[in-house]
Amino acid sequence: MQKVLIFDDNEEILLVMEMILSDAGYSVFTRTDVNTVIQAVEETQPDVVIMDNNIPDHGGILASQQIKSKAEHQHIPIIFCTSSDRIKALAEQAKAQTSLNKPFDIDTLLDTVKACLA
C-alpha cells in the first residue's frame, strides 16, 4: 500500500484528504504542523508528501526544502498545496514536483497524487 503524508494546519482539510485518499487505497498520515517534518518523514516513509504553504511554524516552503535537503528523502515527490495565484512559483521555491490549488476537487487530488507516484 502506498503511503501519503499530509501537512496542513486545517484539520477539516486533513480529514477530507484522508478520507478521499484512504478510500482510494492509500495509507494516509497527517500532521498539523511542520515542527518535526524530518522526523515525520522518517517515521512514516511516505511515497508522496502533500505540503500546505501556510502551516505553523516554519511554513511549507521551508519544510519542503528541509525534506529535499536530505539525500535519503530527495526521491519523495512533494505536492505543494495552497490557494494562491502564485502557486507555481511557490511550488518551485519549495522544490516541490507539482502543485495542487485549493480549493480542489476529488478527481484533481487523486490525479495529482497518482501522477506523482507514476
PDB file of N, CA and C in Angstrom:
ATOM      1  N   MET A   1       0.846  -1.176   0.000  1.00  0.00           N
ATOM      2  CA  MET A   1       0.000   0.000   0.000  1.00  0.00           C
ATOM      3  C   MET A   1       0.894   1.243   0.000  1.00  0.00           C
ATOM      4  N   GLN A   2       0.628   2.155  -0.894  1.00  0.00           N
ATOM      5  CA  GLN A   2       1.415   3.377  -0.982  1.00  0.00           C
ATOM      6  C   GLN A   2       0.993   4.359   0.105  1.00  0.00           C
ATOM      7  N   LYS A   3       1.990   5.096   0.617  1.00  0.00           N
ATOM      8  CA  LYS A   3       1.756   5.975   1.767  1.00  0.00           C
ATOM      9  C   LYS A   3       1.825   7.450   1.366  1.00  0.00           C
ATOM     10  N   VAL A   4       0.880   8.214   1.914  1.00  0.00           N
ATOM     11  CA  VAL A   4       0.805   9.649   1.692  1.00  0.00           C
ATOM     12  C   VAL A   4       0.898  10.339   3.054  1.00  0.00           C
ATOM     13  N   LEU A   5       1.812  11.307   3.150  1.00  0.00           N
ATOM     14  CA  LEU A   5       1.961  12.105   4.361  1.00  0.00           C
ATOM     15  C   LEU A   5       1.493  13.518   4.036  1.00  0.00           C
ATOM     16  N   ILE A   6       0.504  14.002   4.802  1.00  0.00           N
ATOM     17  CA  ILE A   6      -0.097  15.313   4.536  1.00  0.00           C
ATOM     18  C   ILE A   6       0.196  16.256   5.697  1.00  0.00           C
ATOM     19  N   PHE A   7       0.714  17.439   5.359  1.00  0.00           N
ATOM     20  CA  PHE A   7       0.937  18.504   6.330  1.00  0.00           C
ATOM     21  C   PHE A   7      -0.030  19.638   6.024  1.00  0.00           C
ATOM     22  N   ASP A   8      -0.947  19.917   6.947  1.00  0.00           N
ATOM     23  CA  ASP A   8      -1.887  21.037   6.793  1.00  0.00           C
ATOM     24  C   ASP A   8      -2.394  21.401   8.183  1.00  0.00           C
ATOM     25  N   ASP A   9      -2.476  22.688   8.474  1.00  0.00           N
ATOM     26  CA  ASP A   9      -2.945  23.103   9.797  1.00  0.00           C
ATOM     27  C   ASP A   9      -4.460  23.138   9.902  1.00  0.00           C
ATOM     28  N   ASN A  10      -5.161  22.973   8.791  1.00  0.00           N
ATOM     29  CA  ASN A  10      -6.621  22.949   8.795  1.00  0.00           C
ATOM     30  C   ASN A  10      -7.084  21.499   8.952  1.00  0.00           C
ATOM     31  N   GLU A  11      -7.603  21.180  10.128  1.00  0.00           N
ATOM     32  CA  GLU A  11      -7.978  19.798  10.414  1.00  0.00           C
ATOM     33  C   GLU A  11      -9.115  19.297   9.529  1.00  0.00           C
ATOM     34  N   GLU A  12      -9.985  20.191   9.084  1.00  0.00           N
ATOM     35  CA  GLU A  12     -11.068  19.781   8.186  1.00  0.00           C
ATOM     36  C   GLU A  12     -10.508  19.343   6.830  1.00  0.00           C
ATOM     37  N   ILE A  13      -9.538  20.091   6.324  1.00  0.00           N
ATOM     38  CA  ILE A  13      -8.900  19.710   5.060  1.00  0.00           C
ATOM     39  C   ILE A  13      -8.170  18.385   5.226  1.00  0.00           C
ATOM     40  N   LEU A  14      -7.484  18.215   6.347  1.00  0.00           N
ATOM     41  CA  LEU A  14      -6.799  16.947   6.606  1.00  0.00           C
ATOM     42  C   LEU A  14      -7.777  15.782   6.604  1.00  0.00           C
ATOM     43  N   LEU A  15      -8.909  15.973   7.258  1.00  0.00           N
ATOM     44  CA  LEU A  15      -9.920  14.913   7.336  1.00  0.00           C
ATOM     45  C   LEU A  15     -10.459  14.566   5.951  1.00  0.00           C
ATOM     46  N   VAL A  16     -10.770  15.583   5.166  1.00  0.00           N
ATOM     47  CA  VAL A  16     -11.295  15.357   3.819  1.00  0.00           C
ATOM     48  C   VAL A  16     -10.263  14.623   2.952  1.00  0.00           C
ATOM     49  N   MET A  17      -9.018  15.114   2.963  1.00  0.00           N
ATOM     50  CA  MET A  17      -7.968  14.467   2.175  1.00  0.00           C
ATOM     51  C   MET A  17      -7.749  13.030   2.633  1.00  0.00           C
ATOM     52  N   GLU A  18      -7.731  12.834   3.937  1.00  0.00           N
ATOM     53  CA  GLU A  18      -7.518  11.494   4.484  1.00  0.00           C
ATOM     54  C   GLU A  18      -8.631  10.542   4.040  1.00  0.00           C
ATOM     55  N   MET A  19      -9.875  10.996   4.090  1.00  0.00           N
ATOM     56  CA  MET A  19     -10.997  10.137   3.662  1.00  0.00           C
ATOM     57  C   MET A  19     -10.895   9.801   2.176  1.00  0.00           C
ATOM     58  N   ILE A  20     -10.628  10.807   1.355  1.00  0.00           N
ATOM     59  CA  ILE A  20     -10.550  10.595  -0.095  1.00  0.00           C
ATOM     60  C   ILE A  20      -9.425   9.623  -0.431  1.00  0.00           C
ATOM     61  N   LEU A  21      -8.258   9.876   0.116  1.00  0.00           N
ATOM     62  CA  LEU A  21      -7.096   9.054  -0.222  1.00  0.00           C
ATOM     63  C   LEU A  21      -7.184   7.655   0.394  1.00  0.00           C
ATOM     64  N   SER A  22      -7.721   7.544   1.594  1.00  0.00           N
ATOM     65  CA  SER A  22      -7.914   6.222   2.211  1.00  0.00           C
ATOM     66  C   SER A  22      -8.895   5.397   1.394  1.00  0.00           C
ATOM     67  N   ASP A  23      -9.987   6.023   0.966  1.00  0.00           N
ATOM     68  CA  ASP A  23     -10.969   5.324   0.134  1.00  0.00           C
ATOM     69  C   ASP A  23     -10.371   4.867  -1.193  1.00  0.00           C
ATOM     70  N   ALA A  24      -9.348   5.581  -1.660  1.00  0.00           N
ATOM     71  CA  ALA A  24      -8.684   5.225  -2.915  1.00  0.00           C
ATOM     72  C   ALA A  24      -7.601   4.168  -2.708  1.00  0.00           C
ATOM     73  N   GLY A  25      -7.401   3.740  -1.466  1.00  0.00           N
ATOM     74  CA  GLY A  25      -6.469   2.653  -1.206  1.00  0.00           C
ATOM     75  C   GLY A  25      -5.093   3.058  -0.701  1.00  0.00           C
ATOM     76  N   TYR A  26      -4.927   4.324  -0.356  1.00  0.00           N
ATOM     77  CA  TYR A  26      -3.645   4.786   0.177  1.00  0.00           C
ATOM     78  C   TYR A  26      -3.639   4.703   1.696  1.00  0.00           C
ATOM     79  N   SER A  27      -2.467   4.509   2.264  1.00  0.00           N
ATOM     80  CA  SER A  27      -2.265   4.627   3.702  1.00  0.00           C
ATOM     81  C   SER A  27      -1.906   6.088   3.955  1.00  0.00           C
ATOM     82  N   VAL A  28      -2.660   6.768   4.824  1.00  0.00           N
ATOM     83  CA  VAL A  28      -2.534   8.213   4.980  1.00  0.00           C
ATOM     84  C   VAL A  28      -2.102   8.574   6.401  1.00  0.00           C
ATOM     85  N   PHE A  29      -1.132   9.483   6.474  1.00  0.00           N
ATOM     86  CA  PHE A  29      -0.647  10.021   7.744  1.00  0.00           C
ATOM     87  C   PHE A  29      -0.802  11.535   7.680  1.00  0.00           C
ATOM     88  N   THR A  30      -1.180  12.155   8.788  1.00  0.00           N
ATOM     89  CA  THR A  30      -1.409  13.604   8.780  1.00  0.00           C
ATOM     90  C   THR A  30      -0.660  14.277   9.925  1.00  0.00           C
ATOM     91  N   ARG A  31      -0.280  15.519   9.666  1.00  0.00           N
ATOM     92  CA  ARG A  31       0.365  16.357  10.676  1.00  0.00           C
ATOM     93  C   ARG A  31      -0.196  17.780  10.539  1.00  0.00           C
ATOM     94  N   THR A  32      -0.387  18.453  11.679  1.00  0.00           N
ATOM     95  CA  THR A  32      -0.931  19.820  11.671  1.00  0.00           C
ATOM     96  C   THR A  32       0.142  20.890  11.784  1.00  0.00           C
ATOM     97  N   ASP A  33       1.400  20.488  11.890  1.00  0.00           N
ATOM     98  CA  ASP A  33       2.498  21.453  11.904  1.00  0.00           C
ATOM     99  C   ASP A  33       3.725  20.783  11.288  1.00  0.00           C
ATOM    100  N   VAL A  34       4.762  21.586  11.070  1.00  0.00           N
ATOM    101  CA  VAL A  34       5.976  21.059  10.447  1.00  0.00           C
ATOM    102  C   VAL A  34       7.176  21.136  11.399  1.00  0.00           C
ATOM    103  N   ASN A  35       6.902  21.239  12.682  1.00  0.00           N
ATOM    104  CA  ASN A  35       7.976  21.350  13.664  1.00  0.00           C
ATOM    105  C   ASN A  35       8.916  20.149  13.640  1.00  0.00           C
ATOM    106  N   THR A  36       8.373  18.983  13.332  1.00  0.00           N
ATOM    107  CA  THR A  36       9.178  17.762  13.282  1.00  0.00           C
ATOM    108  C   THR A  36       9.046  17.114  11.903  1.00  0.00           C
ATOM    109  N   VAL A  37       9.186  17.916  10.863  1.00  0.00           N
ATOM    110  CA  VAL A  37       8.946  17.440   9.497  1.00  0.00           C
ATOM    111  C   VAL A  37       9.858  16.273   9.126  1.00  0.00           C
ATOM    112  N   ILE A  38      11.130  16.362   9.440  1.00  0.00           N
ATOM    113  CA  ILE A  38      12.058  15.284   9.089  1.00  0.00           C
ATOM    114  C   ILE A  38      11.726  14.021   9.878  1.00  0.00           C
ATOM    115  N   GLN A  39      11.434  14.176  11.147  1.00  0.00           N
ATOM    116  CA  GLN A  39      11.051  13.030  11.972  1.00  0.00           C
ATOM    117  C   GLN A  39       9.792  12.357  11.413  1.00  0.00           C
ATOM    118  N   ALA A  40       8.803  13.157  11.005  1.00  0.00           N
ATOM    119  CA  ALA A  40       7.564  12.601  10.454  1.00  0.00           C
ATOM    120  C   ALA A  40       7.840  11.827   9.169  1.00  0.00           C
ATOM    121  N   VAL A  41       8.701  12.369   8.321  1.00  0.00           N
ATOM    122  CA  VAL A  41       9.048  11.681   7.072  1.00  0.00           C
ATOM    123  C   VAL A  41       9.775  10.378   7.375  1.00  0.00           C
ATOM    124  N   GLU A  42      10.702  10.409   8.311  1.00  0.00           N
ATOM    125  CA  GLU A  42      11.458   9.205   8.640  1.00  0.00           C
ATOM    126  C   GLU A  42      10.589   8.150   9.316  1.00  0.00           C
ATOM    127  N   GLU A  43       9.622   8.570  10.121  1.00  0.00           N
ATOM    128  CA  GLU A  43       8.730   7.619  10.793  1.00  0.00           C
ATOM    129  C   GLU A  43       7.751   6.970   9.822  1.00  0.00           C
ATOM    130  N   THR A  44       7.226   7.735   8.891  1.00  0.00           N
ATOM    131  CA  THR A  44       6.173   7.221   8.017  1.00  0.00           C
ATOM    132  C   THR A  44       6.685   6.666   6.699  1.00  0.00           C
ATOM    133  N   GLN A  45       7.880   7.106   6.257  1.00  0.00           N
ATOM    134  CA  GLN A  45       8.449   6.671   4.972  1.00  0.00           C
ATOM    135  C   GLN A  45       7.428   6.812   3.841  1.00  0.00           C
ATOM    136  N   PRO A  46       6.941   8.027   3.608  1.00  0.00           N
ATOM    137  CA  PRO A  46       5.875   8.219   2.608  1.00  0.00           C
ATOM    138  C   PRO A  46       6.385   8.056   1.180  1.00  0.00           C
ATOM    139  N   ASP A  47       5.458   7.702   0.302  1.00  0.00           N
ATOM    140  CA  ASP A  47       5.747   7.644  -1.129  1.00  0.00           C
ATOM    141  C   ASP A  47       5.519   9.004  -1.765  1.00  0.00           C
ATOM    142  N   VAL A  48       4.711   9.835  -1.116  1.00  0.00           N
ATOM    143  CA  VAL A  48       4.454  11.201  -1.571  1.00  0.00           C
ATOM    144  C   VAL A  48       4.070  12.049  -0.360  1.00  0.00           C
ATOM    145  N   VAL A  49       4.428  13.339  -0.420  1.00  0.00           N
ATOM    146  CA  VAL A  49       4.090  14.292   0.633  1.00  0.00           C
ATOM    147  C   VAL A  49       3.208  15.380   0.022  1.00  0.00           C
ATOM    148  N   ILE A  50       2.137  15.723   0.725  1.00  0.00           N
ATOM    149  CA  ILE A  50       1.317  16.882   0.361  1.00  0.00           C
ATOM    150  C   ILE A  50       1.584  17.945   1.416  1.00  0.00           C
ATOM    151  N   MET A  51       2.070  19.106   0.965  1.00  0.00           N
ATOM    152  CA  MET A  51       2.506  20.150   1.882  1.00  0.00           C
ATOM    153  C   MET A  51       1.702  21.432   1.692  1.00  0.00           C
ATOM    154  N   ASP A  52       1.058  21.868   2.764  1.00  0.00           N
ATOM    155  CA  ASP A  52       0.366  23.161   2.767  1.00  0.00           C
ATOM    156  C   ASP A  52       1.403  24.278   2.829  1.00  0.00           C
ATOM    157  N   ASN A  53       1.114  25.397   2.224  1.00  0.00           N
ATOM    158  CA  ASN A  53       2.023  26.537   2.268  1.00  0.00           C
ATOM    159  C   ASN A  53       1.982  27.240   3.619  1.00  0.00           C
ATOM    160  N   ASN A  54       0.782  27.541   4.091  1.00  0.00           N
ATOM    161  CA  ASN A  54       0.616  28.318   5.326  1.00  0.00           C
ATOM    162  C   ASN A  54       0.410  27.393   6.508  1.00  0.00           C
ATOM    163  N   ILE A  55       1.510  26.849   7.010  1.00  0.00           N
ATOM    164  CA  ILE A  55       1.431  25.909   8.119  1.00  0.00           C
ATOM    165  C   ILE A  55       2.440  26.315   9.193  1.00  0.00           C
ATOM    166  N   PRO A  56       2.025  26.255  10.469  1.00  0.00           N
ATOM    167  CA  PRO A  56       2.955  26.632  11.545  1.00  0.00           C
ATOM    168  C   PRO A  56       4.101  25.619  11.634  1.00  0.00           C
ATOM    169  N   ASP A  57       5.194  25.966  12.123  1.00  0.00           N
ATOM    170  CA  ASP A  57       5.686  27.264  12.499  1.00  0.00           C
ATOM    171  C   ASP A  57       6.616  27.821  11.427  1.00  0.00           C
ATOM    172  N   HIS A  58       7.171  26.940  10.632  1.00  0.00           N
ATOM    173  CA  HIS A  58       8.170  27.371   9.651  1.00  0.00           C
ATOM    174  C   HIS A  58       7.586  27.639   8.271  1.00  0.00           C
ATOM    175  N   GLY A  59       6.397  27.159   7.994  1.00  0.00           N
ATOM    176  CA  GLY A  59       5.793  27.310   6.678  1.00  0.00           C
ATOM    177  C   GLY A  59       6.169  26.161   5.757  1.00  0.00           C
ATOM    178  N   GLY A  60       5.347  25.978   4.731  1.00  0.00           N
ATOM    179  CA  GLY A  60       5.502  24.857   3.825  1.00  0.00           C
ATOM    180  C   GLY A  60       6.726  24.923   2.933  1.00  0.00           C
ATOM    181  N   ILE A  61       7.140  26.127   2.553  1.00  0.00           N
ATOM    182  CA  ILE A  61       8.312  26.241   1.680  1.00  0.00           C
ATOM    183  C   ILE A  61       9.553  25.734   2.397  1.00  0.00           C
ATOM    184  N   LEU A  62       9.798  26.250   3.595  1.00  0.00           N
ATOM    185  CA  LEU A  62      10.971  25.827   4.354  1.00  0.00           C
ATOM    186  C   LEU A  62      10.903  24.335   4.691  1.00  0.00           C
ATOM    187  N   ALA A  63       9.734  23.850   5.074  1.00  0.00           N
ATOM    188  CA  ALA A  63       9.584  22.432   5.411  1.00  0.00           C
ATOM    189  C   ALA A  63       9.877  21.549   4.203  1.00  0.00           C
ATOM    190  N   SER A  64       9.389  21.938   3.037  1.00  0.00           N
ATOM    191  CA  SER A  64       9.655  21.171   1.815  1.00  0.00           C
ATOM    192  C   SER A  64      11.139  21.187   1.489  1.00  0.00           C
ATOM    193  N   GLN A  65      11.764  22.346   1.631  1.00  0.00           N
ATOM    194  CA  GLN A  65      13.200  22.454   1.380  1.00  0.00           C
ATOM    195  C   GLN A  65      13.991  21.580   2.353  1.00  0.00           C
ATOM    196  N   GLN A  66      13.534  21.486   3.589  1.00  0.00           N
ATOM    197  CA  GLN A  66      14.205  20.629   4.575  1.00  0.00           C
ATOM    198  C   GLN A  66      14.131  19.164   4.149  1.00  0.00           C
ATOM    199  N   ILE A  67      12.970  18.740   3.671  1.00  0.00           N
ATOM    200  CA  ILE A  67      12.831  17.357   3.206  1.00  0.00           C
ATOM    201  C   ILE A  67      13.799  17.102   2.060  1.00  0.00           C
ATOM    202  N   LYS A  68      13.807  17.994   1.090  1.00  0.00           N
ATOM    203  CA  LYS A  68      14.637  17.815  -0.099  1.00  0.00           C
ATOM    204  C   LYS A  68      16.133  17.973   0.187  1.00  0.00           C
ATOM    205  N   SER A  69      16.495  18.588   1.310  1.00  0.00           N
ATOM    206  CA  SER A  69      17.905  18.769   1.641  1.00  0.00           C
ATOM    207  C   SER A  69      18.566  17.483   2.108  1.00  0.00           C
ATOM    208  N   LYS A  70      17.769  16.506   2.470  1.00  0.00           N
ATOM    209  CA  LYS A  70      18.295  15.213   2.930  1.00  0.00           C
ATOM    210  C   LYS A  70      18.387  14.267   1.734  1.00  0.00           C
ATOM    211  N   ALA A  71      19.564  13.767   1.467  1.00  0.00           N
ATOM    212  CA  ALA A  71      19.779  12.895   0.306  1.00  0.00           C
ATOM    213  C   ALA A  71      18.818  11.711   0.313  1.00  0.00           C
ATOM    214  N   GLU A  72      18.546  11.157   1.480  1.00  0.00           N
ATOM    215  CA  GLU A  72      17.685   9.975   1.569  1.00  0.00           C
ATOM    216  C   GLU A  72      16.202  10.280   1.322  1.00  0.00           C
ATOM    217  N   HIS A  73      15.856  11.571   1.246  1.00  0.00           N
ATOM    218  CA  HIS A  73      14.457  11.949   1.016  1.00  0.00           C
ATOM    219  C   HIS A  73      14.233  12.674  -0.313  1.00  0.00           C
ATOM    220  N   GLN A  74      15.285  12.907  -1.064  1.00  0.00           N
ATOM    221  CA  GLN A  74      15.165  13.679  -2.299  1.00  0.00           C
ATOM    222  C   GLN A  74      14.256  13.018  -3.327  1.00  0.00           C
ATOM    223  N   HIS A  75      14.101  11.706  -3.253  1.00  0.00           N
ATOM    224  CA  HIS A  75      13.265  10.984  -4.222  1.00  0.00           C
ATOM    225  C   HIS A  75      11.765  11.118  -3.929  1.00  0.00           C
ATOM    226  N   ILE A  76      11.407  11.612  -2.753  1.00  0.00           N
ATOM    227  CA  ILE A  76       9.996  11.690  -2.367  1.00  0.00           C
ATOM    228  C   ILE A  76       9.355  12.892  -3.063  1.00  0.00           C
ATOM    229  N   PRO A  77       8.345  12.651  -3.892  1.00  0.00           N
ATOM    230  CA  PRO A  77       7.669  13.777  -4.537  1.00  0.00           C
ATOM    231  C   PRO A  77       6.866  14.583  -3.519  1.00  0.00           C
ATOM    232  N   ILE A  78       6.897  15.894  -3.690  1.00  0.00           N
ATOM    233  CA  ILE A  78       6.125  16.794  -2.838  1.00  0.00           C
ATOM    234  C   ILE A  78       5.099  17.507  -3.701  1.00  0.00           C
ATOM    235  N   ILE A  79       3.853  17.488  -3.239  1.00  0.00           N
ATOM    236  CA  ILE A  79       2.768  18.239  -3.871  1.00  0.00           C
ATOM    237  C   ILE A  79       2.538  19.460  -2.999  1.00  0.00           C
ATOM    238  N   PHE A  80       2.810  20.637  -3.542  1.00  0.00           N
ATOM    239  CA  PHE A  80       2.661  21.877  -2.779  1.00  0.00           C
ATOM    240  C   PHE A  80       1.226  22.346  -2.920  1.00  0.00           C
ATOM    241  N   CYS A  81       0.549  22.532  -1.791  1.00  0.00           N
ATOM    242  CA  CYS A  81      -0.895  22.775  -1.789  1.00  0.00           C
ATOM    243  C   CYS A  81      -1.207  24.105  -1.107  1.00  0.00           C
ATOM    244  N   THR A  82      -1.831  25.008  -1.865  1.00  0.00           N
ATOM    245  CA  THR A  82      -2.200  26.301  -1.297  1.00  0.00           C
ATOM    246  C   THR A  82      -3.239  26.978  -2.189  1.00  0.00           C
ATOM    247  N   SER A  83      -3.799  28.049  -1.689  1.00  0.00           N
ATOM    248  CA  SER A  83      -4.706  28.851  -2.512  1.00  0.00           C
ATOM    249  C   SER A  83      -4.000  30.168  -2.810  1.00  0.00           C
ATOM    250  N   SER A  84      -3.348  30.209  -3.946  1.00  0.00           N
ATOM    251  CA  SER A  84      -2.592  31.392  -4.333  1.00  0.00           C
ATOM    252  C   SER A  84      -2.481  31.434  -5.849  1.00  0.00           C
ATOM    253  N   ASP A  85      -2.533  32.614  -6.387  1.00  0.00           N
ATOM    254  CA  ASP A  85      -2.338  32.733  -7.834  1.00  0.00           C
ATOM    255  C   ASP A  85      -0.852  32.607  -8.183  1.00  0.00           C
ATOM    256  N   ARG A  86       0.001  32.533  -7.173  1.00  0.00           N
ATOM    257  CA  ARG A  86       1.437  32.343  -7.364  1.00  0.00           C
ATOM    258  C   ARG A  86       1.866  30.917  -7.045  1.00  0.00           C
ATOM    259  N   ILE A  87       0.935  29.984  -7.087  1.00  0.00           N
ATOM    260  CA  ILE A  87       1.204  28.625  -6.627  1.00  0.00           C
ATOM    261  C   ILE A  87       2.376  27.958  -7.357  1.00  0.00           C
ATOM    262  N   LYS A  88       2.502  28.177  -8.646  1.00  0.00           N
ATOM    263  CA  LYS A  88       3.596  27.555  -9.403  1.00  0.00           C
ATOM    264  C   LYS A  88       4.956  28.061  -8.913  1.00  0.00           C
ATOM    265  N   ALA A  89       5.069  29.363  -8.704  1.00  0.00           N
ATOM    266  CA  ALA A  89       6.326  29.943  -8.214  1.00  0.00           C
ATOM    267  C   ALA A  89       6.628  29.467  -6.795  1.00  0.00           C
ATOM    268  N   LEU A  90       5.598  29.385  -5.953  1.00  0.00           N
ATOM    269  CA  LEU A  90       5.788  28.914  -4.584  1.00  0.00           C
ATOM    270  C   LEU A  90       6.230  27.456  -4.579  1.00  0.00           C
ATOM    271  N   ALA A  91       5.615  26.641  -5.420  1.00  0.00           N
ATOM    272  CA  ALA A  91       5.985  25.226  -5.509  1.00  0.00           C
ATOM    273  C   ALA A  91       7.426  25.075  -5.979  1.00  0.00           C
ATOM    274  N   GLU A  92       7.821  25.889  -6.934  1.00  0.00           N
ATOM    275  CA  GLU A  92       9.198  25.840  -7.425  1.00  0.00           C
ATOM    276  C   GLU A  92      10.179  26.241  -6.317  1.00  0.00           C
ATOM    277  N   GLN A  93       9.844  27.278  -5.584  1.00  0.00           N
ATOM    278  CA  GLN A  93      10.688  27.716  -4.474  1.00  0.00           C
ATOM    279  C   GLN A  93      10.802  26.624  -3.405  1.00  0.00           C
ATOM    280  N   ALA A  94       9.723  25.873  -3.204  1.00  0.00           N
ATOM    281  CA  ALA A  94       9.697  24.804  -2.209  1.00  0.00           C
ATOM    282  C   ALA A  94      10.382  23.532  -2.693  1.00  0.00           C
ATOM    283  N   LYS A  95      10.773  23.500  -3.960  1.00  0.00           N
ATOM    284  CA  LYS A  95      11.389  22.323  -4.588  1.00  0.00           C
ATOM    285  C   LYS A  95      10.397  21.165  -4.701  1.00  0.00           C
ATOM    286  N   ALA A  96       9.124  21.514  -4.851  1.00  0.00           N
ATOM    287  CA  ALA A  96       8.066  20.517  -4.998  1.00  0.00           C
ATOM    288  C   ALA A  96       7.979  20.066  -6.454  1.00  0.00           C
ATOM    289  N   GLN A  97       7.499  18.846  -6.656  1.00  0.00           N
ATOM    290  CA  GLN A  97       7.343  18.316  -8.006  1.00  0.00           C
ATOM    291  C   GLN A  97       6.165  18.946  -8.738  1.00  0.00           C
ATOM    292  N   THR A  98       5.118  19.243  -7.979  1.00  0.00           N
ATOM    293  CA  THR A  98       3.910  19.797  -8.591  1.00  0.00           C
ATOM    294  C   THR A  98       3.127  20.556  -7.528  1.00  0.00           C
ATOM    295  N   SER A  99       1.991  21.072  -7.931  1.00  0.00           N
ATOM    296  CA  SER A  99       1.172  21.842  -7.001  1.00  0.00           C
ATOM    297  C   SER A  99      -0.291  21.433  -7.115  1.00  0.00           C
ATOM    298  N   LEU A 100      -1.030  21.767  -6.074  1.00  0.00           N
ATOM    299  CA  LEU A 100      -2.467  21.499  -6.012  1.00  0.00           C
ATOM    300  C   LEU A 100      -3.111  22.746  -5.428  1.00  0.00           C
ATOM    301  N   ASN A 101      -3.929  23.393  -6.231  1.00  0.00           N
ATOM    302  CA  ASN A 101      -4.543  24.649  -5.810  1.00  0.00           C
ATOM    303  C   ASN A 101      -5.790  24.375  -4.973  1.00  0.00           C
ATOM    304  N   LYS A 102      -5.903  25.064  -3.845  1.00  0.00           N
ATOM    305  CA  LYS A 102      -7.101  24.986  -3.016  1.00  0.00           C
ATOM    306  C   LYS A 102      -8.074  26.057  -3.496  1.00  0.00           C
ATOM    307  N   PRO A 103      -9.349  25.807  -3.526  1.00  0.00           N
ATOM    308  CA  PRO A 103      -9.976  24.509  -3.256  1.00  0.00           C
ATOM    309  C   PRO A 103      -9.773  23.561  -4.437  1.00  0.00           C
ATOM    310  N   PHE A 104      -9.724  22.284  -4.140  1.00  0.00           N
ATOM    311  CA  PHE A 104      -9.508  21.262  -5.159  1.00  0.00           C
ATOM    312  C   PHE A 104     -10.715  20.336  -5.175  1.00  0.00           C
ATOM    313  N   ASP A 105     -10.883  19.616  -6.278  1.00  0.00           N
ATOM    314  CA  ASP A 105     -11.944  18.607  -6.307  1.00  0.00           C
ATOM    315  C   ASP A 105     -11.309  17.226  -6.125  1.00  0.00           C
ATOM    316  N   ILE A 106     -12.128  16.254  -5.861  1.00  0.00           N
ATOM    317  CA  ILE A 106     -11.659  14.898  -5.564  1.00  0.00           C
ATOM    318  C   ILE A 106     -10.805  14.353  -6.699  1.00  0.00           C
ATOM    319  N   ASP A 107     -11.282  14.469  -7.929  1.00  0.00           N
ATOM    320  CA  ASP A 107     -10.545  13.912  -9.065  1.00  0.00           C
ATOM    321  C   ASP A 107      -9.182  14.564  -9.233  1.00  0.00           C
ATOM    322  N   THR A 108      -9.105  15.868  -9.032  1.00  0.00           N
ATOM    323  CA  THR A 108      -7.821  16.562  -9.168  1.00  0.00           C
ATOM    324  C   THR A 108      -6.839  16.089  -8.104  1.00  0.00           C
ATOM    325  N   LEU A 109      -7.305  15.933  -6.873  1.00  0.00           N
ATOM    326  CA  LEU A 109      -6.451  15.416  -5.803  1.00  0.00           C
ATOM    327  C   LEU A 109      -5.930  14.032  -6.160  1.00  0.00           C
ATOM    328  N   LEU A 110      -6.838  13.141  -6.527  1.00  0.00           N
ATOM    329  CA  LEU A 110      -6.433  11.767  -6.853  1.00  0.00           C
ATOM    330  C   LEU A 110      -5.511  11.711  -8.062  1.00  0.00           C
ATOM    331  N   ASP A 111      -5.817  12.491  -9.097  1.00  0.00           N
ATOM    332  CA  ASP A 111      -4.980  12.505 -10.295  1.00  0.00           C
ATOM    333  C   ASP A 111      -3.584  13.045  -9.998  1.00  0.00           C
ATOM    334  N   THR A 112      -3.501  14.058  -9.152  1.00  0.00           N
ATOM    335  CA  THR A 112      -2.211  14.650  -8.805  1.00  0.00           C
ATOM    336  C   THR A 112      -1.348  13.668  -8.020  1.00  0.00           C
ATOM    337  N   VAL A 113      -1.949  13.001  -7.057  1.00  0.00           N
ATOM    338  CA  VAL A 113      -1.203  12.002  -6.271  1.00  0.00           C
ATOM    339  C   VAL A 113      -0.760  10.860  -7.175  1.00  0.00           C
ATOM    340  N   LYS A 114      -1.682  10.371  -8.004  1.00  0.00           N
ATOM    341  CA  LYS A 114      -1.369   9.266  -8.910  1.00  0.00           C
ATOM    342  C   LYS A 114      -0.233   9.630  -9.865  1.00  0.00           C
ATOM    343  N   ALA A 115      -0.252  10.839 -10.390  1.00  0.00           N
ATOM    344  CA  ALA A 115       0.796  11.289 -11.317  1.00  0.00           C
ATOM    345  C   ALA A 115       2.156  11.331 -10.627  1.00  0.00           C
ATOM    346  N   CYS A 116       2.187  11.746  -9.377  1.00  0.00           N
ATOM    347  CA  CYS A 116       3.455  11.804  -8.643  1.00  0.00           C
ATOM    348  C   CYS A 116       4.012  10.407  -8.344  1.00  0.00           C
ATOM    349  N   LEU A 117       3.138   9.454  -8.248  1.00  0.00           N
ATOM    350  CA  LEU A 117       3.561   8.098  -7.921  1.00  0.00           C
ATOM    351  C   LEU A 117       3.866   7.248  -9.152  1.00  0.00           C
ATOM    352  N   ALA A 118       3.541   7.783 -10.326  1.00  0.00           N
ATOM    353  CA  ALA A 118       3.753   7.005 -11.566  1.00  0.00           C
ATOM    354  C   ALA A 118       5.226   6.913 -11.915  1.00  0.00           C
TER     355      ALA A 118
END
